[in-house]
């Protein structure tokens, strides 16, 4: 188990264990579909990338359970189009 998942901080950021699980799963799908990572890490491990995106407040689930991200210019970007493209 990844150490980041043991911390209560990441669970709180996601809004609970269920939301954390959902956010991770949806973001992993987006990365697999070609979405670019929002953090700079020296790894190709998509799970580690997603966990760092959450810990750095780069992504979250909105009220409709869609993945949202904060862009570099603090604009909110809707990534749900990736789900529709599959």
N, C-alpha and C. Protein backbone atom coordinates (compact mmCIF):
# COMPACT_ATOMS: atom_id res chain seq x y z
N UNK A 1 0.85 -1.18 0.00
CA UNK A 1 0.00 0.00 0.00
C UNK A 1 0.89 1.24 0.00
N UNK A 2 0.54 2.22 -0.78
CA UNK A 2 1.30 3.45 -0.84
C UNK A 2 1.13 4.24 0.45
N UNK A 3 2.23 4.79 0.91
CA UNK A 3 2.23 5.52 2.19
C UNK A 3 1.23 6.69 2.18
N UNK A 4 1.07 7.35 1.03
CA UNK A 4 0.18 8.50 0.95
C UNK A 4 -1.27 8.13 1.31
N UNK A 5 -1.66 6.88 1.00
CA UNK A 5 -3.03 6.46 1.27
C UNK A 5 -3.29 6.21 2.75
N UNK A 6 -2.25 6.09 3.54
CA UNK A 6 -2.39 5.88 4.98
C UNK A 6 -2.63 7.18 5.73
N UNK A 7 -2.35 8.30 5.09
CA UNK A 7 -2.48 9.59 5.74
C UNK A 7 -3.91 10.10 5.69
N UNK A 8 -4.36 10.63 6.79
CA UNK A 8 -5.73 11.18 6.86
C UNK A 8 -5.86 12.44 6.02
N UNK A 9 -4.75 13.12 5.75
CA UNK A 9 -4.78 14.36 4.99
C UNK A 9 -5.35 14.14 3.58
N UNK A 10 -4.92 13.08 2.91
CA UNK A 10 -5.38 12.84 1.55
C UNK A 10 -6.86 12.44 1.55
N UNK A 11 -7.28 11.73 2.58
CA UNK A 11 -8.69 11.34 2.70
C UNK A 11 -9.55 12.59 2.91
N UNK A 12 -9.09 13.49 3.75
CA UNK A 12 -9.83 14.73 4.01
C UNK A 12 -9.88 15.60 2.76
N UNK A 13 -8.78 15.69 2.01
CA UNK A 13 -8.75 16.50 0.79
C UNK A 13 -9.77 16.02 -0.23
N UNK A 14 -9.93 14.70 -0.29
CA UNK A 14 -10.86 14.12 -1.26
C UNK A 14 -12.31 14.15 -0.78
N UNK A 15 -12.51 14.31 0.51
CA UNK A 15 -13.87 14.34 1.04
C UNK A 15 -14.34 13.00 1.58
N UNK A 16 -13.42 12.10 1.86
CA UNK A 16 -13.75 10.79 2.42
C UNK A 16 -13.13 9.68 1.60
N UNK A 17 -13.17 8.48 2.16
CA UNK A 17 -12.54 7.33 1.50
C UNK A 17 -13.21 6.97 0.19
N UNK A 18 -14.53 7.00 0.15
CA UNK A 18 -15.23 6.66 -1.10
C UNK A 18 -14.89 7.65 -2.20
N UNK A 19 -14.93 8.94 -1.89
CA UNK A 19 -14.61 9.95 -2.89
C UNK A 19 -13.15 9.85 -3.33
N UNK A 20 -12.27 9.54 -2.39
CA UNK A 20 -10.86 9.36 -2.74
C UNK A 20 -10.71 8.22 -3.74
N UNK A 21 -11.35 7.11 -3.47
CA UNK A 21 -11.29 5.96 -4.37
C UNK A 21 -11.83 6.31 -5.75
N UNK A 22 -12.95 7.00 -5.79
CA UNK A 22 -13.56 7.41 -7.05
C UNK A 22 -12.67 8.38 -7.81
N UNK A 23 -12.11 9.36 -7.11
CA UNK A 23 -11.23 10.34 -7.73
C UNK A 23 -9.99 9.67 -8.33
N UNK A 24 -9.39 8.77 -7.57
CA UNK A 24 -8.21 8.06 -8.07
C UNK A 24 -8.55 7.28 -9.33
N UNK A 25 -9.62 6.53 -9.28
CA UNK A 25 -10.01 5.70 -10.42
C UNK A 25 -10.29 6.54 -11.66
N UNK A 26 -11.04 7.61 -11.50
CA UNK A 26 -11.38 8.45 -12.65
C UNK A 26 -10.16 9.16 -13.22
N UNK A 27 -9.27 9.62 -12.36
CA UNK A 27 -8.07 10.30 -12.84
C UNK A 27 -7.11 9.33 -13.51
N UNK A 28 -7.02 8.10 -13.00
CA UNK A 28 -6.18 7.09 -13.65
C UNK A 28 -6.67 6.81 -15.07
N UNK A 29 -7.97 6.76 -15.25
CA UNK A 29 -8.54 6.56 -16.58
C UNK A 29 -8.15 7.72 -17.50
N UNK A 30 -8.24 8.95 -16.98
CA UNK A 30 -7.89 10.11 -17.78
C UNK A 30 -6.42 10.09 -18.19
N UNK A 31 -5.55 9.74 -17.25
CA UNK A 31 -4.12 9.67 -17.58
C UNK A 31 -3.85 8.58 -18.61
N UNK A 32 -4.51 7.45 -18.47
CA UNK A 32 -4.35 6.36 -19.43
C UNK A 32 -4.84 6.76 -20.82
N UNK A 33 -5.83 7.66 -20.86
CA UNK A 33 -6.38 8.12 -22.13
C UNK A 33 -5.54 9.24 -22.76
N UNK A 34 -4.50 9.67 -22.06
CA UNK A 34 -3.60 10.67 -22.64
C UNK A 34 -3.58 12.02 -21.99
N UNK A 35 -4.34 12.22 -20.91
CA UNK A 35 -4.31 13.48 -20.21
C UNK A 35 -2.92 13.70 -19.63
N UNK A 36 -2.47 14.95 -19.61
CA UNK A 36 -1.12 15.21 -19.11
C UNK A 36 -1.13 15.32 -17.59
N UNK A 37 -0.07 14.85 -16.95
CA UNK A 37 0.04 14.99 -15.49
C UNK A 37 0.12 16.46 -15.10
N UNK A 38 -0.40 16.78 -13.93
CA UNK A 38 -0.40 18.15 -13.42
C UNK A 38 0.73 18.41 -12.45
N UNK A 39 1.55 17.40 -12.20
CA UNK A 39 2.70 17.53 -11.31
C UNK A 39 3.93 17.00 -12.03
N UNK A 40 5.07 17.52 -11.63
CA UNK A 40 6.34 17.06 -12.18
C UNK A 40 6.93 16.02 -11.24
N UNK A 41 6.95 14.76 -11.67
CA UNK A 41 7.55 13.69 -10.89
C UNK A 41 8.47 12.89 -11.79
N UNK A 42 9.50 12.35 -11.20
CA UNK A 42 10.46 11.55 -11.95
C UNK A 42 10.03 10.08 -11.92
N UNK A 43 8.80 9.84 -12.39
CA UNK A 43 8.24 8.48 -12.42
C UNK A 43 7.18 8.39 -13.51
N UNK A 44 6.95 7.18 -13.97
CA UNK A 44 5.85 6.92 -14.89
C UNK A 44 4.70 6.22 -14.18
N UNK A 45 4.80 6.07 -12.87
CA UNK A 45 3.77 5.42 -12.06
C UNK A 45 2.56 6.35 -11.95
N UNK A 46 1.51 6.02 -12.68
CA UNK A 46 0.32 6.88 -12.72
C UNK A 46 -0.34 7.03 -11.35
N UNK A 47 -0.28 6.00 -10.54
CA UNK A 47 -0.88 6.08 -9.20
C UNK A 47 -0.16 7.13 -8.36
N UNK A 48 1.16 7.14 -8.40
CA UNK A 48 1.92 8.13 -7.65
C UNK A 48 1.64 9.54 -8.16
N UNK A 49 1.45 9.67 -9.46
CA UNK A 49 1.13 10.97 -10.05
C UNK A 49 -0.22 11.46 -9.54
N UNK A 50 -1.22 10.59 -9.56
CA UNK A 50 -2.56 10.96 -9.10
C UNK A 50 -2.53 11.35 -7.63
N UNK A 51 -1.84 10.58 -6.80
CA UNK A 51 -1.78 10.89 -5.37
C UNK A 51 -1.13 12.25 -5.14
N UNK A 52 -0.09 12.56 -5.88
CA UNK A 52 0.55 13.87 -5.73
C UNK A 52 -0.35 14.99 -6.24
N UNK A 53 -1.11 14.73 -7.30
CA UNK A 53 -2.06 15.74 -7.78
C UNK A 53 -3.09 16.06 -6.70
N UNK A 54 -3.55 15.05 -5.99
CA UNK A 54 -4.52 15.26 -4.92
C UNK A 54 -3.87 16.01 -3.76
N UNK A 55 -2.71 15.54 -3.33
CA UNK A 55 -2.03 16.16 -2.20
C UNK A 55 -1.65 17.61 -2.46
N UNK A 56 -1.38 17.94 -3.73
CA UNK A 56 -1.02 19.31 -4.09
C UNK A 56 -2.23 20.14 -4.51
N UNK A 57 -3.44 19.62 -4.25
CA UNK A 57 -4.70 20.32 -4.56
C UNK A 57 -4.82 20.69 -6.02
N UNK A 58 -4.39 19.80 -6.90
CA UNK A 58 -4.50 20.03 -8.34
C UNK A 58 -5.79 19.47 -8.90
N UNK A 59 -6.35 18.44 -8.26
CA UNK A 59 -7.59 17.82 -8.73
C UNK A 59 -8.54 17.56 -7.56
N UNK A 60 -9.82 17.45 -7.90
CA UNK A 60 -10.84 17.10 -6.91
C UNK A 60 -12.10 16.67 -7.65
N UNK A 61 -13.06 16.10 -6.92
CA UNK A 61 -14.35 15.74 -7.50
C UNK A 61 -15.32 16.88 -7.24
N UNK A 62 -16.07 17.28 -8.27
CA UNK A 62 -17.07 18.31 -8.07
C UNK A 62 -18.36 17.69 -7.55
N UNK A 63 -19.41 18.48 -7.44
CA UNK A 63 -20.67 18.00 -6.87
C UNK A 63 -21.32 16.90 -7.71
N UNK A 64 -21.00 16.86 -9.02
CA UNK A 64 -21.56 15.82 -9.89
C UNK A 64 -20.61 14.64 -10.06
N UNK A 65 -19.62 14.55 -9.15
CA UNK A 65 -18.65 13.45 -9.13
C UNK A 65 -17.76 13.40 -10.37
N UNK A 66 -17.52 14.54 -10.99
CA UNK A 66 -16.61 14.64 -12.12
C UNK A 66 -15.27 15.19 -11.64
N UNK A 67 -14.20 14.74 -12.27
CA UNK A 67 -12.86 15.22 -11.91
C UNK A 67 -12.69 16.63 -12.43
N UNK A 68 -12.26 17.50 -11.54
CA UNK A 68 -11.95 18.88 -11.91
C UNK A 68 -10.50 19.13 -11.55
N UNK A 69 -9.87 20.05 -12.28
CA UNK A 69 -8.50 20.40 -11.93
C UNK A 69 -8.34 21.90 -11.92
N UNK A 70 -7.38 22.32 -11.15
CA UNK A 70 -7.03 23.73 -11.09
C UNK A 70 -5.89 23.93 -12.07
N UNK A 71 -6.09 24.79 -13.07
CA UNK A 71 -5.06 25.05 -14.07
C UNK A 71 -3.97 25.92 -13.51
N UNK A 72 -2.90 26.06 -14.27
CA UNK A 72 -1.77 26.86 -13.84
C UNK A 72 -2.14 28.31 -13.57
N UNK A 73 -3.16 28.81 -14.26
CA UNK A 73 -3.59 30.19 -14.05
C UNK A 73 -4.80 30.26 -13.14
N UNK A 74 -4.98 29.21 -12.33
CA UNK A 74 -6.07 29.10 -11.35
C UNK A 74 -7.45 29.05 -11.99
N UNK A 75 -7.52 28.73 -13.28
CA UNK A 75 -8.81 28.52 -13.93
C UNK A 75 -9.25 27.09 -13.65
N UNK A 76 -10.52 26.90 -13.43
CA UNK A 76 -11.08 25.58 -13.23
C UNK A 76 -11.35 24.97 -14.59
N UNK A 77 -10.81 23.79 -14.83
CA UNK A 77 -10.97 23.13 -16.11
C UNK A 77 -11.79 21.87 -15.92
N UNK A 78 -12.78 21.65 -16.78
CA UNK A 78 -13.64 20.47 -16.70
C UNK A 78 -13.03 19.36 -17.56
N UNK A 79 -12.71 18.23 -16.93
CA UNK A 79 -12.11 17.12 -17.65
C UNK A 79 -13.13 16.07 -18.04
N UNK A 80 -14.40 16.32 -17.89
CA UNK A 80 -15.41 15.31 -18.18
C UNK A 80 -15.48 14.99 -19.67
N UNK A 81 -14.94 15.87 -20.54
CA UNK A 81 -14.95 15.58 -21.96
C UNK A 81 -14.16 14.32 -22.27
N UNK A 82 -13.14 14.02 -21.47
CA UNK A 82 -12.37 12.80 -21.69
C UNK A 82 -13.24 11.57 -21.48
N UNK A 83 -14.13 11.62 -20.52
CA UNK A 83 -15.04 10.50 -20.29
C UNK A 83 -15.95 10.28 -21.49
N UNK A 84 -16.40 11.36 -22.09
CA UNK A 84 -17.30 11.28 -23.24
C UNK A 84 -16.58 10.79 -24.48
N UNK A 85 -15.28 11.02 -24.58
CA UNK A 85 -14.51 10.64 -25.75
C UNK A 85 -14.21 9.15 -25.81
N UNK A 86 -14.37 8.45 -24.71
CA UNK A 86 -14.02 7.03 -24.66
C UNK A 86 -15.03 6.19 -25.37
